[in-house]
């Protein structure tokens, strides 16, 4: 019996693209879709001596709102909470870390537009 081709949901496609993009740009991927407490961090990666907690936002087209604009303060707080717990679980209070965003637009035709925002937001 033949099944229908079911494309990956846009979020999964975006996260896979983001992971490849980060690797090409010198990051080491530590975890993907890390469930920490009640929250999830899309990608946890290492760049040099810094751990990056990466939120990936993917859209099918540019539209009126850029993908990165969807990482509002509430979403940032959830990521920060998860990162704090991750650091505590790793027993590494001396860890250097930051919060990055990878914004991806997947046009109907052509190459994806991928933008990395290093240190996109901070605690506090």
C-alpha atoms as a PDB file:
ATOM      1  CA  UNK A   1       0.000   0.000   0.000  1.00  0.00           C
ATOM      2  CA  UNK A   2       1.315   3.418  -0.923  1.00  0.00           C
ATOM      3  CA  UNK A   3       1.141   6.306   1.509  1.00  0.00           C
ATOM      4  CA  UNK A   4       0.786   9.928   0.691  1.00  0.00           C
ATOM      5  CA  UNK A   5       3.825  12.158   0.923  1.00  0.00           C
ATOM      6  CA  UNK A   6       3.339  14.352   3.961  1.00  0.00           C
ATOM      7  CA  UNK A   7       5.726  17.275   4.117  1.00  0.00           C
ATOM      8  CA  UNK A   8       7.260  18.077   7.466  1.00  0.00           C
ATOM      9  CA  UNK A   9       5.466  20.799   9.380  1.00  0.00           C
ATOM     10  CA  UNK A  10       6.970  24.204   8.737  1.00  0.00           C
ATOM     11  CA  UNK A  11       8.414  24.416  12.256  1.00  0.00           C
ATOM     12  CA  UNK A  12      10.313  21.145  11.886  1.00  0.00           C
ATOM     13  CA  UNK A  13      11.659  22.208   8.488  1.00  0.00           C
ATOM     14  CA  UNK A  14      12.777  25.515   9.963  1.00  0.00           C
ATOM     15  CA  UNK A  15      14.531  23.905  12.913  1.00  0.00           C
ATOM     16  CA  UNK A  16      16.398  21.504  10.630  1.00  0.00           C
ATOM     17  CA  UNK A  17      17.488  24.414   8.404  1.00  0.00           C
ATOM     18  CA  UNK A  18      18.504  26.440  11.462  1.00  0.00           C
ATOM     19  CA  UNK A  19      20.618  23.592  12.859  1.00  0.00           C
ATOM     20  CA  UNK A  20      22.463  23.177   9.539  1.00  0.00           C
ATOM     21  CA  UNK A  21      22.944  26.946   9.274  1.00  0.00           C
ATOM     22  CA  UNK A  22      24.346  27.164  12.805  1.00  0.00           C
ATOM     23  CA  UNK A  23      26.747  24.253  12.183  1.00  0.00           C
ATOM     24  CA  UNK A  24      28.007  25.937   8.999  1.00  0.00           C
ATOM     25  CA  UNK A  25      28.626  29.069  11.054  1.00  0.00           C
ATOM     26  CA  UNK A  26      30.757  27.390  13.713  1.00  0.00           C
ATOM     27  CA  UNK A  27      28.193  26.317  16.308  1.00  0.00           C
ATOM     28  CA  UNK A  28      28.126  22.835  17.819  1.00  0.00           C
ATOM     29  CA  UNK A  29      24.585  21.593  18.347  1.00  0.00           C
ATOM     30  CA  UNK A  30      24.203  20.228  21.886  1.00  0.00           C
ATOM     31  CA  UNK A  31      20.452  19.552  21.916  1.00  0.00           C
ATOM     32  CA  UNK A  32      17.394  20.061  19.759  1.00  0.00           C
ATOM     33  CA  UNK A  33      13.869  20.411  21.103  1.00  0.00           C
ATOM     34  CA  UNK A  34      15.163  20.280  24.670  1.00  0.00           C
ATOM     35  CA  UNK A  35      12.276  19.864  27.119  1.00  0.00           C
ATOM     36  CA  UNK A  36      13.245  21.589  30.341  1.00  0.00           C
ATOM     37  CA  UNK A  37      10.523  21.632  32.931  1.00  0.00           C
ATOM     38  CA  UNK A  38       7.347  22.945  31.304  1.00  0.00           C
ATOM     39  CA  UNK A  39       9.227  24.655  28.499  1.00  0.00           C
ATOM     40  CA  UNK A  40      11.105  23.763  25.354  1.00  0.00           C
ATOM     41  CA  UNK A  41      14.184  25.314  23.822  1.00  0.00           C
ATOM     42  CA  UNK A  42      14.436  24.750  20.067  1.00  0.00           C
ATOM     43  CA  UNK A  43      18.228  24.467  19.914  1.00  0.00           C
ATOM     44  CA  UNK A  44      20.958  24.573  22.536  1.00  0.00           C
ATOM     45  CA  UNK A  45      24.314  25.108  20.874  1.00  0.00           C
ATOM     46  CA  UNK A  46      27.890  25.992  21.715  1.00  0.00           C
ATOM     47  CA  UNK A  47      29.814  28.762  19.989  1.00  0.00           C
ATOM     48  CA  UNK A  48      33.301  29.009  21.414  1.00  0.00           C
ATOM     49  CA  UNK A  49      32.964  29.252  25.195  1.00  0.00           C
ATOM     50  CA  UNK A  50      29.352  30.467  25.019  1.00  0.00           C
ATOM     51  CA  UNK A  51      26.187  28.409  25.180  1.00  0.00           C
ATOM     52  CA  UNK A  52      23.466  29.769  22.909  1.00  0.00           C
ATOM     53  CA  UNK A  53      19.818  29.126  23.675  1.00  0.00           C
ATOM     54  CA  UNK A  54      18.291  29.476  20.219  1.00  0.00           C
ATOM     55  CA  UNK A  55      14.653  30.166  19.372  1.00  0.00           C
ATOM     56  CA  UNK A  56      13.749  29.330  15.770  1.00  0.00           C
ATOM     57  CA  UNK A  57      10.860  31.144  14.084  1.00  0.00           C
ATOM     58  CA  UNK A  58       9.795  30.069  10.607  1.00  0.00           C
ATOM     59  CA  UNK A  59       7.218  31.587   8.270  1.00  0.00           C
ATOM     60  CA  UNK A  60       6.040  30.533   4.826  1.00  0.00           C
ATOM     61  CA  UNK A  61       6.297  34.068   3.458  1.00  0.00           C
ATOM     62  CA  UNK A  62       7.594  37.463   4.519  1.00  0.00           C
ATOM     63  CA  UNK A  63       4.127  38.855   5.252  1.00  0.00           C
ATOM     64  CA  UNK A  64       3.696  41.926   7.400  1.00  0.00           C
ATOM     65  CA  UNK A  65       5.336  40.532  10.553  1.00  0.00           C
ATOM     66  CA  UNK A  66       8.898  39.258  10.437  1.00  0.00           C
ATOM     67  CA  UNK A  67       9.439  35.873  12.161  1.00  0.00           C
ATOM     68  CA  UNK A  68      11.731  37.322  14.840  1.00  0.00           C
ATOM     69  CA  UNK A  69       9.012  39.785  15.879  1.00  0.00           C
ATOM     70  CA  UNK A  70       7.007  36.833  17.200  1.00  0.00           C
ATOM     71  CA  UNK A  71       9.495  36.278  20.016  1.00  0.00           C
ATOM     72  CA  UNK A  72       7.614  38.566  22.370  1.00  0.00           C
ATOM     73  CA  UNK A  73       8.492  39.295  25.987  1.00  0.00           C
ATOM     74  CA  UNK A  74       6.340  36.413  27.259  1.00  0.00           C
ATOM     75  CA  UNK A  75       8.138  33.949  24.971  1.00  0.00           C
ATOM     76  CA  UNK A  76      11.492  35.406  26.006  1.00  0.00           C
ATOM     77  CA  UNK A  77      10.616  34.883  29.684  1.00  0.00           C
ATOM     78  CA  UNK A  78       9.775  31.215  29.028  1.00  0.00           C
ATOM     79  CA  UNK A  79      13.107  30.712  27.253  1.00  0.00           C
ATOM     80  CA  UNK A  80      14.979  32.490  30.057  1.00  0.00           C
ATOM     81  CA  UNK A  81      13.262  30.307  32.680  1.00  0.00           C
ATOM     82  CA  UNK A  82      14.156  27.149  30.777  1.00  0.00           C
ATOM     83  CA  UNK A  83      17.759  28.319  30.336  1.00  0.00           C
ATOM     84  CA  UNK A  84      18.119  29.019  34.069  1.00  0.00           C
ATOM     85  CA  UNK A  85      16.859  25.538  34.865  1.00  0.00           C
ATOM     86  CA  UNK A  86      19.196  24.012  32.267  1.00  0.00           C
ATOM     87  CA  UNK A  87      22.168  25.817  33.803  1.00  0.00           C
ATOM     88  CA  UNK A  88      21.155  24.641  37.285  1.00  0.00           C
ATOM     89  CA  UNK A  89      20.734  21.049  36.082  1.00  0.00           C
ATOM     90  CA  UNK A  90      24.166  21.171  34.456  1.00  0.00           C
ATOM     91  CA  UNK A  91      25.516  22.526  37.771  1.00  0.00           C
ATOM     92  CA  UNK A  92      27.403  25.224  35.922  1.00  0.00           C
ATOM     93  CA  UNK A  93      26.680  28.663  37.336  1.00  0.00           C
ATOM     94  CA  UNK A  94      29.839  29.942  35.612  1.00  0.00           C
ATOM     95  CA  UNK A  95      28.498  29.131  32.136  1.00  0.00           C
ATOM     96  CA  UNK A  96      28.647  31.935  29.592  1.00  0.00           C
ATOM     97  CA  UNK A  97      25.364  32.042  27.712  1.00  0.00           C
ATOM     98  CA  UNK A  98      23.165  34.157  25.519  1.00  0.00           C
ATOM     99  CA  UNK A  99      19.856  34.055  23.690  1.00  0.00           C
ATOM    100  CA  UNK A 100      19.847  33.909  19.901  1.00  0.00           C
ATOM    101  CA  UNK A 101      17.014  33.890  17.392  1.00  0.00           C
ATOM    102  CA  UNK A 102      17.114  32.284  13.955  1.00  0.00           C
ATOM    103  CA  UNK A 103      14.408  33.736  11.694  1.00  0.00           C
ATOM    104  CA  UNK A 104      13.547  31.783   8.557  1.00  0.00           C
ATOM    105  CA  UNK A 105      11.286  32.660   5.657  1.00  0.00           C
ATOM    106  CA  UNK A 106      10.441  29.805   3.280  1.00  0.00           C
ATOM    107  CA  UNK A 107       9.293  31.291  -0.031  1.00  0.00           C
ATOM    108  CA  UNK A 108       7.220  29.255  -2.482  1.00  0.00           C
ATOM    109  CA  UNK A 109      10.165  29.324  -4.871  1.00  0.00           C
ATOM    110  CA  UNK A 110      13.835  29.925  -4.311  1.00  0.00           C
ATOM    111  CA  UNK A 111      16.121  29.606  -1.331  1.00  0.00           C
ATOM    112  CA  UNK A 112      15.074  30.115   2.269  1.00  0.00           C
ATOM    113  CA  UNK A 113      15.972  33.438   3.865  1.00  0.00           C
ATOM    114  CA  UNK A 114      17.812  32.709   7.118  1.00  0.00           C
ATOM    115  CA  UNK A 115      18.796  35.462   9.555  1.00  0.00           C
ATOM    116  CA  UNK A 116      20.715  34.912  12.800  1.00  0.00           C
ATOM    117  CA  UNK A 117      20.246  37.396  15.624  1.00  0.00           C
ATOM    118  CA  UNK A 118      23.039  36.807  18.137  1.00  0.00           C
ATOM    119  CA  UNK A 119      22.313  38.012  21.665  1.00  0.00           C
ATOM    120  CA  UNK A 120      18.761  38.892  20.536  1.00  0.00           C
ATOM    121  CA  UNK A 121      17.440  39.526  24.048  1.00  0.00           C
ATOM    122  CA  UNK A 122      18.630  39.514  27.635  1.00  0.00           C
ATOM    123  CA  UNK A 123      17.393  38.676  31.079  1.00  0.00           C
ATOM    124  CA  UNK A 124      15.846  41.406  33.144  1.00  0.00           C
END
